[in-house]
């Protein structure tokens, strides 16, 4: 019985319908007469070269900072100065290259200036005073002795 079922399975596989086969897509054998309407742009990778600096000094608003940077090829040098809220000046000089990455030197000039703390809100304590008078009389009896 097992051989009959196995034989019947093999016959079913042999007679099974094959999937349709499609011919490859038609390729024209001639070259088109038109040319591309654009040309591929050529990009020249020239090393970058620039230099900039700026400075802001406003005594009225309390602003004082500046920055500068120069790049030649893959090497960049620069720095910036910032007036911090605590009165010090933060000076950062940095270099950037392809091998070492970003290397910064941070320095602080000046002394820390902290104002003494003065709280602005001062709560005023007032003891609690009820606004009503009790409407009842004491329930305890008056003493009968003298």
Protein backbone atom coordinates (compact mmCIF):
# COMPACT_ATOMS: atom_id res chain seq x y z
CA UNK A 1 0.00 0.00 0.00
CA UNK A 2 2.86 2.36 0.82
CA UNK A 3 4.50 1.74 -2.52
CA UNK A 4 1.21 2.42 -4.28
CA UNK A 5 0.86 5.81 -2.55
CA UNK A 6 4.50 6.69 -3.28
CA UNK A 7 4.08 5.74 -6.95
CA UNK A 8 0.85 7.72 -7.17
CA UNK A 9 2.69 10.79 -5.72
CA UNK A 10 5.51 10.49 -8.26
CA UNK A 11 3.00 10.22 -11.11
CA UNK A 12 1.18 13.31 -9.83
CA UNK A 13 4.46 15.27 -9.78
CA UNK A 14 5.33 14.15 -13.30
CA UNK A 15 1.96 15.18 -14.75
CA UNK A 16 1.75 18.47 -12.83
CA UNK A 17 1.25 21.59 -14.92
CA UNK A 18 4.41 23.62 -15.45
CA UNK A 19 4.40 27.39 -14.94
CA UNK A 20 4.29 29.40 -18.16
CA UNK A 21 7.60 30.58 -19.55
CA UNK A 22 7.96 34.05 -20.94
CA UNK A 23 10.40 35.09 -23.60
CA UNK A 24 12.97 37.73 -22.64
CA UNK A 25 12.07 41.36 -23.24
CA UNK A 26 12.76 42.69 -26.73
CA UNK A 27 16.03 44.61 -27.02
CA UNK A 28 16.43 46.90 -30.03
CA UNK A 29 19.56 46.20 -32.04
CA UNK A 30 20.02 49.79 -33.23
CA UNK A 31 21.52 52.75 -31.40
CA UNK A 32 19.11 55.62 -30.70
CA UNK A 33 19.77 58.79 -32.69
CA UNK A 34 19.41 61.19 -29.75
CA UNK A 35 22.07 62.31 -27.32
CA UNK A 36 21.56 62.84 -23.58
CA UNK A 37 20.22 66.34 -22.87
CA UNK A 38 22.74 67.03 -20.11
CA UNK A 39 26.29 66.22 -19.23
CA UNK A 40 27.37 64.85 -15.92
CA UNK A 41 28.82 67.75 -13.90
CA UNK A 42 32.42 67.40 -12.85
CA UNK A 43 33.17 68.14 -9.23
CA UNK A 44 36.64 69.29 -8.40
CA UNK A 45 37.48 68.69 -4.79
CA UNK A 46 39.74 71.57 -3.99
CA UNK A 47 40.94 71.94 -0.43
CA UNK A 48 38.90 74.49 1.48
CA UNK A 49 40.54 77.77 2.35
CA UNK A 50 38.86 80.51 4.39
CA UNK A 51 39.32 82.86 7.30
CA UNK A 52 36.80 84.77 9.41
CA UNK A 53 36.55 86.64 12.68
CA UNK A 54 34.03 88.74 14.56
CA UNK A 55 33.77 90.60 17.84
CA UNK A 56 30.84 91.88 19.90
CA UNK A 57 31.43 94.32 22.73
CA UNK A 58 28.38 96.00 24.22
CA UNK A 59 28.95 97.52 27.65
CA UNK A 60 25.32 98.55 28.05
CA UNK A 61 23.99 95.00 27.58
CA UNK A 62 27.05 93.38 29.19
CA UNK A 63 28.04 91.42 26.09
CA UNK A 64 31.66 90.74 25.30
CA UNK A 65 32.64 87.85 23.02
CA UNK A 66 34.59 87.18 19.86
CA UNK A 67 35.62 84.32 17.57
CA UNK A 68 38.09 83.65 14.78
CA UNK A 69 38.86 80.69 12.56
CA UNK A 70 41.20 79.95 9.67
CA UNK A 71 41.21 76.87 7.47
CA UNK A 72 43.78 75.78 4.96
CA UNK A 73 43.07 72.40 3.40
CA UNK A 74 42.10 69.93 6.08
CA UNK A 75 43.70 71.85 8.96
CA UNK A 76 41.64 74.36 10.93
CA UNK A 77 42.79 76.69 13.71
CA UNK A 78 40.60 79.02 15.70
CA UNK A 79 39.40 80.28 19.01
CA UNK A 80 36.71 82.18 20.81
CA UNK A 81 36.28 84.20 24.01
CA UNK A 82 33.10 84.41 26.07
CA UNK A 83 32.30 86.54 29.11
CA UNK A 84 30.69 84.14 31.59
CA UNK A 85 27.90 85.14 34.01
CA UNK A 86 30.22 84.66 36.99
CA UNK A 87 32.55 87.43 35.73
CA UNK A 88 35.29 85.25 34.24
CA UNK A 89 36.34 85.12 30.60
CA UNK A 90 36.48 81.70 28.95
CA UNK A 91 39.13 81.47 26.22
CA UNK A 92 39.09 78.46 23.91
CA UNK A 93 41.70 77.81 21.24
CA UNK A 94 41.30 74.76 19.05
CA UNK A 95 42.84 72.90 16.15
CA UNK A 96 41.17 70.41 13.85
CA UNK A 97 42.95 68.08 11.48
CA UNK A 98 42.21 64.82 9.73
CA UNK A 99 44.19 62.69 12.17
CA UNK A 100 43.82 64.23 15.62
CA UNK A 101 40.24 65.45 15.29
CA UNK A 102 39.05 68.36 17.41
CA UNK A 103 41.57 69.35 20.10
CA UNK A 104 40.59 72.27 22.34
CA UNK A 105 42.49 74.17 25.01
CA UNK A 106 40.12 75.85 27.49
CA UNK A 107 41.37 78.54 29.87
CA UNK A 108 39.61 80.86 32.30
CA UNK A 109 40.71 84.37 33.20
CA UNK A 110 39.54 86.46 36.11
CA UNK A 111 38.11 85.74 39.54
CA UNK A 112 34.76 84.26 40.42
CA UNK A 113 32.32 86.95 41.51
CA UNK A 114 29.30 85.78 43.39
CA UNK A 115 26.82 88.22 44.83
CA UNK A 116 25.53 87.41 48.29
CA UNK A 117 22.19 85.68 48.17
CA UNK A 118 19.23 87.91 48.95
CA UNK A 119 15.83 86.30 48.79
CA UNK A 120 13.30 88.52 47.09
CA UNK A 121 10.20 87.03 48.71
CA UNK A 122 9.80 87.55 52.42
CA UNK A 123 6.57 86.09 53.81
CA UNK A 124 5.03 88.03 56.67
CA UNK A 125 3.66 85.78 59.40
CA UNK A 126 0.44 86.84 61.08
CA UNK A 127 -0.95 84.67 63.86
CA UNK A 128 -4.33 83.14 63.25
CA UNK A 129 -7.25 85.10 64.69
CA UNK A 130 -10.72 83.70 64.28
CA UNK A 131 -13.17 86.20 62.87
CA UNK A 132 -16.21 84.90 64.77
CA UNK A 133 -17.22 84.76 68.42
CA UNK A 134 -18.55 81.49 69.75
CA UNK A 135 -22.38 81.55 70.01
CA UNK A 136 -22.59 79.04 72.84
CA UNK A 137 -22.01 79.28 76.54
CA UNK A 138 -19.89 76.81 78.43
CA UNK A 139 -21.82 73.64 79.32
CA UNK A 140 -20.12 72.96 82.63
CA UNK A 141 -22.04 73.94 85.76
CA UNK A 142 -20.91 76.67 88.10
CA UNK A 143 -19.34 75.28 91.28
CA UNK A 144 -21.76 75.21 94.25
CA UNK A 145 -19.12 75.58 96.91
CA UNK A 146 -17.45 78.71 97.98
